[in-house]
N, C-alpha and C. Protein backbone atom coordinates (compact mmCIF):
# COMPACT_ATOMS: atom_id res chain seq x y z
N MET A 1 -26.31 -11.45 24.75
CA MET A 1 -25.92 -12.11 23.40
C MET A 1 -26.52 -11.19 22.28
N THR A 2 -27.62 -10.67 22.51
CA THR A 2 -28.26 -9.86 21.49
C THR A 2 -27.52 -8.47 21.20
N ALA A 3 -26.95 -8.04 22.22
CA ALA A 3 -26.23 -6.83 22.15
C ALA A 3 -24.89 -7.18 21.23
N LEU A 4 -24.42 -8.16 21.55
CA LEU A 4 -23.17 -8.63 20.90
C LEU A 4 -23.44 -8.79 19.39
N ILE A 5 -24.59 -9.45 19.10
CA ILE A 5 -24.97 -9.63 17.65
C ILE A 5 -25.19 -8.28 16.95
N ASP A 6 -25.83 -7.53 17.86
CA ASP A 6 -26.34 -6.12 17.20
C ASP A 6 -25.01 -5.32 16.73
N ARG A 7 -24.03 -5.39 17.83
CA ARG A 7 -22.80 -4.83 17.37
C ARG A 7 -22.01 -5.39 16.28
N VAL A 8 -21.88 -6.63 16.10
CA VAL A 8 -21.38 -7.33 14.88
C VAL A 8 -21.99 -6.76 13.62
N GLN A 9 -23.22 -6.76 13.73
CA GLN A 9 -24.24 -6.36 12.43
C GLN A 9 -23.82 -4.72 12.15
N ALA A 10 -23.73 -4.07 13.19
CA ALA A 10 -23.44 -2.62 12.97
C ALA A 10 -22.12 -2.44 12.35
N SER A 11 -21.11 -3.34 12.88
CA SER A 11 -19.79 -3.21 12.13
C SER A 11 -19.96 -3.48 10.88
N PHE A 12 -20.54 -4.51 10.38
CA PHE A 12 -20.77 -4.98 8.89
C PHE A 12 -21.24 -3.98 8.06
N LEU A 13 -22.43 -3.22 8.54
CA LEU A 13 -23.08 -2.33 7.94
C LEU A 13 -22.30 -0.99 7.78
N ALA A 14 -21.47 -0.68 8.85
CA ALA A 14 -20.55 0.54 8.75
C ALA A 14 -19.42 0.39 7.79
N SER A 15 -18.98 -0.95 7.68
CA SER A 15 -17.95 -1.13 6.75
C SER A 15 -18.51 -1.14 5.20
N ALA A 16 -19.56 -1.56 5.15
CA ALA A 16 -20.28 -1.65 3.86
C ALA A 16 -20.65 -0.25 3.48
N GLU A 17 -21.02 0.62 4.25
CA GLU A 17 -21.26 1.98 3.97
C GLU A 17 -20.18 2.68 3.64
N THR A 18 -18.96 2.53 4.34
CA THR A 18 -17.75 3.34 4.08
C THR A 18 -17.29 2.99 2.80
N LYS A 19 -17.38 1.70 2.33
CA LYS A 19 -16.74 1.13 1.04
C LYS A 19 -17.80 1.82 -0.10
N ARG A 20 -19.05 1.73 -0.03
CA ARG A 20 -19.87 2.34 -0.84
C ARG A 20 -19.68 3.69 -0.97
N ASP A 21 -19.45 4.47 0.02
CA ASP A 21 -19.32 5.99 -0.16
C ASP A 21 -17.85 6.39 -0.62
N CYS A 22 -16.94 5.39 -0.77
CA CYS A 22 -15.67 5.67 -1.10
C CYS A 22 -15.36 5.27 -2.67
N ALA A 23 -16.35 4.40 -3.03
CA ALA A 23 -16.17 3.77 -4.38
C ALA A 23 -16.08 4.82 -5.56
N ALA A 24 -16.84 5.54 -5.68
CA ALA A 24 -16.79 6.58 -6.76
C ALA A 24 -15.58 7.49 -6.67
N GLN A 25 -15.16 7.78 -5.47
CA GLN A 25 -13.97 8.72 -5.18
C GLN A 25 -12.66 8.00 -5.45
N LEU A 26 -12.64 6.82 -5.06
CA LEU A 26 -11.35 6.15 -4.99
C LEU A 26 -11.03 5.55 -6.35
N ALA A 27 -11.98 4.99 -6.98
CA ALA A 27 -11.88 4.22 -8.10
C ALA A 27 -10.92 4.62 -9.20
N PRO A 28 -11.05 6.01 -9.60
CA PRO A 28 -10.08 6.48 -10.64
C PRO A 28 -8.59 6.37 -10.31
N VAL A 29 -8.35 6.82 -8.80
CA VAL A 29 -6.89 6.66 -8.54
C VAL A 29 -6.45 5.29 -8.26
N ILE A 30 -7.31 4.37 -7.79
CA ILE A 30 -6.93 3.04 -7.73
C ILE A 30 -6.57 2.43 -9.14
N ALA A 31 -7.32 2.77 -10.29
CA ALA A 31 -7.09 2.43 -11.52
C ALA A 31 -5.84 3.10 -12.00
N ALA A 32 -5.54 4.24 -11.57
CA ALA A 32 -4.27 4.84 -12.08
C ALA A 32 -3.16 4.23 -11.43
N ALA A 33 -3.25 3.91 -10.20
CA ALA A 33 -2.22 3.13 -9.56
C ALA A 33 -1.88 1.86 -10.11
N ALA A 34 -2.95 1.20 -10.45
CA ALA A 34 -3.01 -0.30 -10.92
C ALA A 34 -2.24 -0.13 -12.39
N GLU A 35 -2.58 0.82 -13.15
CA GLU A 35 -1.97 1.16 -14.26
C GLU A 35 -0.49 1.33 -14.13
N ARG A 36 -0.08 2.29 -13.40
CA ARG A 36 1.34 2.41 -13.10
C ARG A 36 2.14 1.22 -12.51
N MET A 37 1.50 0.58 -11.66
CA MET A 37 2.27 -0.80 -11.22
C MET A 37 2.40 -1.69 -12.31
N ALA A 38 1.45 -1.88 -13.09
CA ALA A 38 1.74 -3.02 -14.46
C ALA A 38 2.47 -2.43 -15.30
N THR A 39 2.87 -1.12 -15.51
CA THR A 39 3.76 -0.49 -16.41
C THR A 39 5.21 -0.77 -15.99
N ALA A 40 5.21 -0.54 -14.57
CA ALA A 40 6.50 -0.66 -13.82
C ALA A 40 6.98 -2.30 -13.99
N LEU A 41 5.99 -3.11 -13.67
CA LEU A 41 6.29 -4.65 -13.75
C LEU A 41 6.75 -5.00 -15.17
N LEU A 42 6.09 -4.53 -16.21
CA LEU A 42 6.42 -4.64 -17.63
C LEU A 42 7.67 -4.26 -17.99
N ASP A 43 8.27 -3.14 -17.39
CA ASP A 43 9.49 -2.60 -17.60
C ASP A 43 10.44 -3.15 -16.88
N GLY A 44 10.28 -4.39 -16.16
CA GLY A 44 11.14 -5.02 -15.26
C GLY A 44 11.56 -4.47 -14.06
N ARG A 45 10.57 -3.57 -13.53
CA ARG A 45 11.02 -2.89 -12.13
C ARG A 45 10.16 -3.70 -11.04
N LYS A 46 10.33 -3.45 -9.88
CA LYS A 46 9.69 -3.99 -8.78
C LYS A 46 8.86 -3.08 -7.88
N ILE A 47 8.28 -3.69 -6.94
CA ILE A 47 7.47 -2.92 -6.04
C ILE A 47 7.90 -3.31 -4.76
N LEU A 48 8.40 -2.34 -4.00
CA LEU A 48 8.65 -2.52 -2.58
C LEU A 48 7.38 -2.02 -1.61
N THR A 49 7.05 -2.62 -0.65
CA THR A 49 6.05 -2.21 0.24
C THR A 49 6.25 -2.23 1.76
N CYS A 50 5.52 -1.22 2.33
CA CYS A 50 5.90 -1.21 3.76
C CYS A 50 4.75 -0.72 4.55
N GLY A 51 4.69 -0.83 5.95
CA GLY A 51 3.73 -0.28 6.65
C GLY A 51 3.91 -0.75 8.25
N ASN A 52 3.22 -0.23 9.21
CA ASN A 52 3.44 -0.58 10.55
C ASN A 52 2.36 -1.22 11.07
N GLY A 53 2.21 -2.36 11.93
CA GLY A 53 1.06 -2.85 12.43
C GLY A 53 0.32 -3.70 11.58
N GLY A 54 -1.09 -3.20 11.53
CA GLY A 54 -1.95 -3.88 10.56
C GLY A 54 -1.55 -3.54 9.08
N SER A 55 -0.95 -2.36 9.05
CA SER A 55 -0.47 -1.83 7.76
C SER A 55 0.68 -2.57 7.19
N ALA A 56 1.56 -3.14 8.19
CA ALA A 56 2.52 -4.12 7.66
C ALA A 56 1.93 -5.39 7.25
N ALA A 57 0.97 -5.80 7.92
CA ALA A 57 0.33 -7.10 7.24
C ALA A 57 -0.30 -6.97 5.93
N ASP A 58 -0.89 -5.62 5.64
CA ASP A 58 -1.39 -5.29 4.32
C ASP A 58 -0.28 -5.46 3.44
N ALA A 59 0.90 -4.76 3.77
CA ALA A 59 2.04 -4.78 2.85
C ALA A 59 2.46 -6.05 2.60
N GLN A 60 2.50 -6.97 3.44
CA GLN A 60 2.97 -8.27 3.11
C GLN A 60 1.93 -9.21 2.38
N HIS A 61 0.56 -8.96 2.60
CA HIS A 61 -0.55 -9.46 2.04
C HIS A 61 -0.31 -9.09 0.51
N PHE A 62 -0.11 -7.92 0.16
CA PHE A 62 -0.03 -7.44 -1.12
C PHE A 62 1.31 -8.10 -1.85
N SER A 63 2.32 -7.94 -1.22
CA SER A 63 3.60 -8.51 -1.68
C SER A 63 3.31 -10.18 -2.09
N SER A 64 2.74 -10.82 -1.19
CA SER A 64 2.43 -12.24 -1.43
C SER A 64 1.69 -12.56 -2.51
N GLU A 65 0.59 -11.71 -2.91
CA GLU A 65 -0.24 -11.88 -3.83
C GLU A 65 0.51 -11.64 -5.34
N LEU A 66 1.52 -10.81 -5.31
CA LEU A 66 2.25 -10.54 -6.54
C LEU A 66 3.25 -11.73 -6.75
N LEU A 67 4.01 -12.10 -5.70
CA LEU A 67 4.93 -13.03 -5.77
C LEU A 67 4.40 -14.43 -6.16
N ASN A 68 3.48 -14.74 -5.52
CA ASN A 68 2.56 -15.95 -5.85
C ASN A 68 1.51 -15.89 -6.70
N ARG A 69 0.46 -15.58 -6.45
CA ARG A 69 -0.64 -15.44 -7.29
C ARG A 69 -1.73 -14.79 -6.66
N PHE A 70 -2.81 -13.99 -7.41
CA PHE A 70 -3.94 -13.61 -6.87
C PHE A 70 -5.11 -14.56 -7.23
N GLU A 71 -5.72 -14.32 -8.23
CA GLU A 71 -7.01 -15.25 -8.59
C GLU A 71 -6.70 -16.04 -9.76
N LEU A 72 -5.67 -15.61 -10.63
CA LEU A 72 -5.36 -16.18 -11.87
C LEU A 72 -3.84 -16.71 -11.95
N GLU A 73 -3.59 -17.66 -12.54
CA GLU A 73 -2.43 -18.39 -12.63
C GLU A 73 -1.59 -17.50 -13.57
N ARG A 74 -0.17 -16.93 -13.20
CA ARG A 74 0.50 -16.08 -14.02
C ARG A 74 1.99 -16.19 -13.48
N PRO A 75 3.11 -15.84 -14.26
CA PRO A 75 4.37 -15.72 -13.63
C PRO A 75 4.40 -14.91 -12.32
N ALA A 76 5.33 -15.17 -11.47
CA ALA A 76 5.60 -14.66 -10.36
C ALA A 76 6.02 -13.19 -10.66
N LEU A 77 5.62 -12.23 -9.81
CA LEU A 77 5.88 -10.77 -10.02
C LEU A 77 6.75 -10.22 -8.90
N PRO A 78 7.74 -9.43 -9.23
CA PRO A 78 8.67 -8.90 -8.26
C PRO A 78 8.20 -8.02 -7.35
N ALA A 79 8.08 -8.37 -5.94
CA ALA A 79 7.66 -7.30 -4.90
C ALA A 79 8.30 -7.86 -3.71
N ILE A 80 8.63 -6.77 -2.89
CA ILE A 80 9.57 -7.16 -1.57
C ILE A 80 8.68 -6.37 -0.52
N ALA A 81 8.25 -7.15 0.60
CA ALA A 81 7.89 -6.49 1.89
C ALA A 81 8.82 -6.10 2.65
N LEU A 82 9.04 -4.87 2.98
CA LEU A 82 10.14 -4.40 3.67
C LEU A 82 10.08 -4.62 5.20
N THR A 83 8.72 -5.30 5.53
CA THR A 83 8.34 -5.52 6.93
C THR A 83 8.75 -6.90 7.38
N THR A 84 9.39 -7.76 6.72
CA THR A 84 9.46 -9.22 7.03
C THR A 84 10.79 -9.62 7.56
N ASP A 85 11.92 -8.90 7.41
CA ASP A 85 13.32 -9.49 8.02
C ASP A 85 13.42 -8.95 9.25
N SER A 86 13.30 -9.68 10.21
CA SER A 86 13.38 -9.25 11.63
C SER A 86 14.80 -8.90 12.06
N SER A 87 15.92 -9.65 11.24
CA SER A 87 17.22 -9.20 11.72
C SER A 87 17.63 -7.66 11.16
N THR A 88 17.20 -7.54 9.88
CA THR A 88 17.48 -6.23 9.39
C THR A 88 16.65 -5.10 10.15
N LEU A 89 15.46 -5.49 10.46
CA LEU A 89 14.51 -4.40 11.08
C LEU A 89 15.12 -4.11 12.48
N THR A 90 15.37 -5.20 13.10
CA THR A 90 15.93 -4.96 14.73
C THR A 90 17.24 -4.31 14.65
N SER A 91 18.20 -4.53 13.73
CA SER A 91 19.54 -4.12 13.61
C SER A 91 19.47 -2.67 13.27
N ILE A 92 18.46 -2.21 12.34
CA ILE A 92 18.43 -0.77 11.97
C ILE A 92 17.82 0.01 13.09
N ALA A 93 16.81 -0.59 13.74
CA ALA A 93 16.11 0.05 14.90
C ALA A 93 17.19 0.36 16.10
N ASN A 94 18.10 -0.58 16.32
CA ASN A 94 18.98 -0.74 17.43
C ASN A 94 20.21 0.28 17.01
N ASP A 95 20.77 0.06 16.00
CA ASP A 95 21.93 1.01 15.50
C ASP A 95 21.63 2.36 15.05
N HIS A 96 20.57 2.59 14.59
CA HIS A 96 20.07 3.88 13.88
C HIS A 96 18.87 4.53 14.84
N HIS A 97 17.71 4.32 14.18
CA HIS A 97 16.49 4.57 14.78
C HIS A 97 15.36 3.70 13.99
N TYR A 98 14.25 3.43 14.75
CA TYR A 98 13.12 2.86 14.43
C TYR A 98 12.63 3.73 12.99
N ASN A 99 12.70 4.85 12.96
CA ASN A 99 12.07 5.67 11.89
C ASN A 99 12.73 5.39 10.51
N GLN A 100 14.07 4.66 10.78
CA GLN A 100 14.54 4.42 9.36
C GLN A 100 14.78 2.94 9.04
N VAL A 101 13.90 2.12 9.71
CA VAL A 101 13.71 0.60 9.28
C VAL A 101 13.45 0.47 8.00
N PHE A 102 12.63 1.33 7.21
CA PHE A 102 12.26 1.04 5.82
C PHE A 102 13.12 1.95 5.02
N SER A 103 13.43 3.03 5.36
CA SER A 103 14.23 3.90 4.36
C SER A 103 15.77 3.41 4.14
N ARG A 104 16.37 2.83 5.31
CA ARG A 104 17.70 2.12 5.01
C ARG A 104 17.51 1.13 3.97
N GLN A 105 16.42 0.18 4.05
CA GLN A 105 16.35 -0.69 2.96
C GLN A 105 16.08 -0.15 1.64
N ILE A 106 15.17 0.75 1.54
CA ILE A 106 14.87 1.43 0.23
C ILE A 106 16.31 2.09 -0.40
N GLN A 107 17.19 2.54 0.43
CA GLN A 107 18.41 3.02 0.05
C GLN A 107 19.35 1.96 -0.60
N ALA A 108 19.15 0.48 -0.08
CA ALA A 108 19.82 -0.52 -0.56
C ALA A 108 19.23 -1.24 -1.79
N LEU A 109 17.95 -1.29 -1.73
CA LEU A 109 17.27 -2.11 -2.58
C LEU A 109 16.45 -1.26 -3.82
N GLY A 110 16.15 0.02 -3.56
CA GLY A 110 15.25 0.72 -4.49
C GLY A 110 16.11 1.28 -5.64
N GLN A 111 15.59 1.13 -6.84
CA GLN A 111 16.27 1.51 -8.09
C GLN A 111 15.37 2.67 -8.75
N HIS A 112 15.74 3.40 -9.45
CA HIS A 112 15.09 4.25 -10.39
C HIS A 112 14.04 3.52 -11.14
N GLY A 113 12.77 3.91 -11.18
CA GLY A 113 11.76 3.36 -11.89
C GLY A 113 10.92 2.25 -10.95
N ASP A 114 11.59 1.85 -9.76
CA ASP A 114 10.71 0.92 -8.98
C ASP A 114 9.66 1.80 -8.33
N LEU A 115 8.67 1.05 -7.72
CA LEU A 115 7.60 1.71 -6.95
C LEU A 115 7.61 1.41 -5.57
N LEU A 116 7.22 2.24 -4.59
CA LEU A 116 6.97 2.11 -3.10
C LEU A 116 5.47 2.22 -2.97
N LEU A 117 4.95 1.18 -2.38
CA LEU A 117 3.55 1.02 -1.85
C LEU A 117 3.75 1.46 -0.47
N ALA A 118 3.42 2.61 0.02
CA ALA A 118 3.51 3.17 1.46
C ALA A 118 2.19 3.15 2.18
N ILE A 119 1.93 2.40 3.17
CA ILE A 119 0.68 2.38 3.75
C ILE A 119 0.68 2.82 5.14
N SER A 120 0.02 3.71 5.51
CA SER A 120 -0.23 4.45 6.85
C SER A 120 -1.71 4.84 6.87
N THR A 121 -2.30 4.36 7.87
CA THR A 121 -3.78 4.83 8.17
C THR A 121 -3.99 6.28 8.53
N SER A 122 -2.90 6.78 9.29
CA SER A 122 -2.99 8.08 9.68
C SER A 122 -2.35 9.09 8.65
N GLY A 123 -1.24 8.45 7.86
CA GLY A 123 -0.52 9.44 7.17
C GLY A 123 0.57 10.30 7.87
N THR A 124 0.80 9.69 9.19
CA THR A 124 1.71 10.48 9.98
C THR A 124 2.91 9.62 10.51
N SER A 125 2.84 8.49 10.12
CA SER A 125 3.83 7.56 10.75
C SER A 125 5.28 7.89 10.27
N PRO A 126 6.23 8.13 11.05
CA PRO A 126 7.49 8.70 10.91
C PRO A 126 8.36 7.72 9.91
N SER A 127 8.12 6.50 10.14
CA SER A 127 9.02 5.35 9.46
C SER A 127 8.50 5.47 8.04
N ILE A 128 7.23 5.55 7.79
CA ILE A 128 6.50 5.58 6.37
C ILE A 128 6.93 6.86 5.72
N LEU A 129 6.99 8.08 6.47
CA LEU A 129 7.56 9.40 5.90
C LEU A 129 8.94 9.31 5.50
N HIS A 130 9.66 8.62 6.36
CA HIS A 130 11.26 8.54 5.83
C HIS A 130 11.23 7.64 4.54
N ALA A 131 10.46 6.47 4.55
CA ALA A 131 10.52 5.67 3.39
C ALA A 131 10.07 6.40 2.21
N VAL A 132 9.19 7.10 2.18
CA VAL A 132 8.84 7.97 1.10
C VAL A 132 9.77 8.94 0.70
N GLU A 133 10.42 9.53 1.67
CA GLU A 133 11.52 10.38 1.30
C GLU A 133 12.68 9.87 0.71
N ALA A 134 12.96 8.64 1.16
CA ALA A 134 14.24 7.73 0.54
C ALA A 134 13.81 7.30 -0.87
N ALA A 135 12.44 7.07 -1.11
CA ALA A 135 12.12 6.44 -2.41
C ALA A 135 12.22 7.61 -3.56
N GLN A 136 11.59 8.74 -2.90
CA GLN A 136 11.85 10.00 -3.82
C GLN A 136 13.12 10.28 -4.20
N GLU A 137 14.10 10.36 -3.17
CA GLU A 137 15.41 10.34 -3.50
C GLU A 137 16.10 9.35 -4.46
N ARG A 138 15.60 8.16 -4.56
CA ARG A 138 16.12 7.16 -5.41
C ARG A 138 15.24 7.16 -6.80
N GLU A 139 14.36 8.19 -6.88
CA GLU A 139 13.73 8.49 -8.21
C GLU A 139 12.56 7.30 -8.43
N MET A 140 12.21 6.73 -7.38
CA MET A 140 10.92 5.89 -7.45
C MET A 140 9.76 6.59 -7.37
N GLY A 141 8.77 5.94 -7.86
CA GLY A 141 7.38 6.45 -7.90
C GLY A 141 6.77 5.97 -6.47
N VAL A 142 5.76 6.66 -5.89
CA VAL A 142 5.35 6.32 -4.66
C VAL A 142 3.85 6.36 -4.74
N ILE A 143 3.22 5.22 -4.18
CA ILE A 143 1.89 4.98 -4.18
C ILE A 143 1.40 4.87 -2.71
N ALA A 144 0.81 6.06 -2.14
CA ALA A 144 0.47 6.10 -0.82
C ALA A 144 -0.99 5.64 -0.52
N LEU A 145 -0.98 4.85 0.55
CA LEU A 145 -2.32 4.20 0.79
C LEU A 145 -2.46 4.61 2.29
N THR A 146 -3.55 5.90 2.49
CA THR A 146 -3.64 6.32 3.74
C THR A 146 -5.13 6.52 4.02
N GLY A 147 -5.47 7.47 5.21
CA GLY A 147 -6.84 7.66 5.52
C GLY A 147 -6.84 9.05 6.16
N ARG A 148 -8.27 9.26 6.54
CA ARG A 148 -8.38 10.54 7.28
C ARG A 148 -8.14 11.81 6.29
N ASP A 149 -7.42 12.75 6.48
CA ASP A 149 -7.11 13.82 5.64
C ASP A 149 -5.77 13.41 4.89
N GLY A 150 -5.11 12.19 5.04
CA GLY A 150 -4.01 11.95 4.28
C GLY A 150 -2.69 12.41 5.08
N GLY A 151 -2.79 13.20 5.89
CA GLY A 151 -1.73 13.69 6.82
C GLY A 151 -0.44 14.11 6.02
N GLN A 152 0.64 14.10 6.66
CA GLN A 152 1.85 14.36 5.96
C GLN A 152 2.29 13.64 4.91
N LEU A 153 1.76 12.45 4.77
CA LEU A 153 2.01 11.20 3.76
C LEU A 153 1.60 12.01 2.38
N ALA A 154 0.14 12.52 2.39
CA ALA A 154 -0.31 13.06 1.18
C ALA A 154 0.34 14.25 0.70
N GLN A 155 0.75 15.05 1.71
CA GLN A 155 1.39 16.42 1.47
C GLN A 155 2.93 16.24 0.83
N MET A 156 3.31 14.96 1.06
CA MET A 156 4.66 14.64 0.48
C MET A 156 4.68 14.43 -1.09
N ALA A 157 3.32 13.95 -1.56
CA ALA A 157 3.33 13.35 -2.73
C ALA A 157 3.65 14.46 -3.89
N ARG A 158 4.45 13.82 -4.88
CA ARG A 158 4.73 14.84 -6.06
C ARG A 158 3.63 14.65 -7.02
N PRO A 159 3.39 15.75 -7.82
CA PRO A 159 2.14 15.79 -8.46
C PRO A 159 2.19 14.63 -9.77
N GLU A 160 3.40 14.53 -10.35
CA GLU A 160 3.59 13.76 -11.60
C GLU A 160 3.94 12.38 -11.14
N GLU A 161 4.70 12.20 -10.11
CA GLU A 161 5.29 10.86 -9.87
C GLU A 161 4.62 9.97 -8.95
N ASP A 162 3.83 10.64 -7.99
CA ASP A 162 3.19 10.03 -6.92
C ASP A 162 1.67 10.07 -6.99
N LEU A 163 1.00 8.97 -6.27
CA LEU A 163 -0.45 8.75 -6.34
C LEU A 163 -0.88 8.52 -4.76
N VAL A 164 -1.86 9.17 -4.35
CA VAL A 164 -2.31 9.12 -3.04
C VAL A 164 -3.74 8.61 -3.00
N ILE A 165 -3.97 7.49 -2.38
CA ILE A 165 -5.23 6.83 -2.25
C ILE A 165 -5.74 6.97 -0.58
N CYS A 166 -6.53 7.93 -0.45
CA CYS A 166 -6.89 8.37 0.76
C CYS A 166 -8.29 7.90 1.03
N VAL A 167 -8.49 7.26 2.15
CA VAL A 167 -9.95 6.79 2.62
C VAL A 167 -10.54 7.88 3.59
N PRO A 168 -11.49 8.58 3.15
CA PRO A 168 -11.72 9.69 4.08
C PRO A 168 -12.80 9.32 5.14
N SER A 169 -12.17 8.55 6.11
CA SER A 169 -13.06 8.15 7.18
C SER A 169 -11.88 8.42 8.50
N GLN A 170 -12.80 8.51 9.77
CA GLN A 170 -11.96 8.79 10.85
C GLN A 170 -11.59 7.45 11.83
N SER A 171 -12.10 6.56 11.13
CA SER A 171 -12.07 5.23 11.97
C SER A 171 -10.97 4.32 11.34
N THR A 172 -9.88 3.95 12.20
CA THR A 172 -8.77 3.20 11.84
C THR A 172 -9.45 1.70 11.22
N ALA A 173 -10.38 1.23 11.87
CA ALA A 173 -10.83 -0.16 11.48
C ALA A 173 -11.42 0.11 10.04
N ARG A 174 -12.35 1.02 9.87
CA ARG A 174 -12.98 1.19 8.33
C ARG A 174 -11.82 1.45 7.43
N ILE A 175 -10.97 2.43 7.79
CA ILE A 175 -9.84 2.69 6.76
C ILE A 175 -9.13 1.44 6.33
N GLN A 176 -8.71 0.53 7.36
CA GLN A 176 -8.02 -0.66 7.07
C GLN A 176 -8.76 -1.64 6.10
N GLU A 177 -10.26 -1.67 6.38
CA GLU A 177 -11.08 -2.51 5.69
C GLU A 177 -11.03 -2.16 4.15
N VAL A 178 -11.00 -0.65 3.92
CA VAL A 178 -10.99 -0.27 2.60
C VAL A 178 -9.70 -0.41 1.82
N HIS A 179 -8.56 -0.45 2.86
CA HIS A 179 -7.13 -0.71 2.19
C HIS A 179 -7.13 -2.05 1.70
N LEU A 180 -7.61 -2.97 2.45
CA LEU A 180 -7.60 -4.31 2.02
C LEU A 180 -8.39 -4.44 0.77
N LEU A 181 -9.63 -3.95 0.61
CA LEU A 181 -10.26 -4.11 -0.64
C LEU A 181 -9.37 -3.38 -1.78
N THR A 182 -8.85 -2.16 -1.46
CA THR A 182 -8.03 -1.47 -2.49
C THR A 182 -7.03 -2.40 -2.97
N LEU A 183 -6.30 -3.02 -2.13
CA LEU A 183 -5.21 -3.98 -2.36
C LEU A 183 -5.96 -5.09 -3.37
N HIS A 184 -6.76 -5.66 -2.92
CA HIS A 184 -7.17 -6.50 -3.96
C HIS A 184 -7.73 -6.11 -5.23
N CYS A 185 -8.18 -4.96 -5.43
CA CYS A 185 -8.50 -4.19 -6.64
C CYS A 185 -7.17 -4.21 -7.46
N LEU A 186 -6.19 -3.62 -6.68
CA LEU A 186 -4.92 -3.46 -7.44
C LEU A 186 -4.44 -4.77 -7.86
N CYS A 187 -4.32 -5.87 -7.26
CA CYS A 187 -3.99 -7.31 -7.62
C CYS A 187 -4.81 -7.57 -8.89
N ASP A 188 -6.00 -7.49 -8.72
CA ASP A 188 -6.94 -7.75 -10.01
C ASP A 188 -6.72 -7.07 -11.19
N LEU A 189 -6.47 -5.69 -11.06
CA LEU A 189 -6.25 -4.84 -12.28
C LEU A 189 -4.90 -5.24 -12.79
N ILE A 190 -3.98 -5.37 -11.85
CA ILE A 190 -2.55 -5.79 -12.47
C ILE A 190 -2.61 -7.12 -13.25
N ASP A 191 -3.31 -8.10 -12.79
CA ASP A 191 -3.49 -9.47 -13.45
C ASP A 191 -4.38 -9.18 -14.66
N GLN A 192 -5.35 -8.39 -14.90
CA GLN A 192 -6.16 -8.21 -16.04
C GLN A 192 -5.29 -7.43 -17.07
N GLN A 193 -4.37 -6.43 -16.76
CA GLN A 193 -3.54 -5.91 -17.61
C GLN A 193 -2.62 -6.70 -18.24
N LEU A 194 -1.78 -7.40 -17.20
CA LEU A 194 -0.69 -8.25 -17.57
C LEU A 194 -1.17 -9.42 -18.40
N LEU A 195 -2.22 -9.97 -18.19
CA LEU A 195 -2.84 -11.24 -18.95
C LEU A 195 -3.69 -10.90 -20.15
N GLY A 196 -3.81 -9.54 -20.45
CA GLY A 196 -4.69 -9.08 -21.60
C GLY A 196 -6.14 -8.96 -21.58
N GLY A 197 -6.55 -8.99 -20.22
CA GLY A 197 -7.89 -9.02 -20.19
C GLY A 197 -8.55 -7.60 -20.26
N LEU A 198 -7.47 -6.50 -19.89
CA LEU A 198 -8.08 -5.15 -20.00
C LEU A 198 -6.77 -4.30 -20.89
N GLU A 199 -7.26 -3.25 -21.27
CA GLU A 199 -6.35 -2.40 -21.98
C GLU A 199 -6.15 -1.16 -21.20
C-alpha cells in the first residue's frame, strides 16, 4: 500500500512541476489565443474543436464550457466539437478514411474567420493534420494544442494566422494535464474579456 501511495504522490508532484515549469513559457501564447478567440466570437464567428482519444475528450470539454458556461453566467457561445457525431464520424471513416473524419466536417462547417482548436499531444496525428490543412484552406485561424517538440502540427502553423501552444514534456499524461489547465485558462480569459473584466 505504501508503494501505491508513494506513486500517487509522485504523480501529483510531477504534474505540479510540469505546470510550474511551463507557466512562464506558455502564458503569453495562451493569452494571445484567448484574445484571438474572444475577438472571433465578438465578430460572430465560431470555434470548431477536434482531437483523438483523451484529446477528443478535451475538445468536447472546451466546447461544452463555451456552449453552456465556465464559471460565470453569460450567453451561450458558438462552439462545435467535431468528435461527437458518431454517424458522421463512422460514415466518413468507412467511405473515405479515418484521417478525414475532421477535415470533411470542416469543409462543410468552417467559414472564413472561424477558428479551429486542434489538439494532439504528439503533433503527429494524421486526422488532426488533415483538419488543420482543411481549416487553412477555408481561411480559418488555427490554435494548435500539442506537446513534446510540436511535431508536424507545429510546423504547419502560419506565422500570422495560427498559434501553437506546445507543452515541452515527453510524458503524454503530463502534456494532457497541462492541456486541461490551458483550456480552463482560455475559458476564463474569454469570459473576462467578453464580460468586461479585462481589456
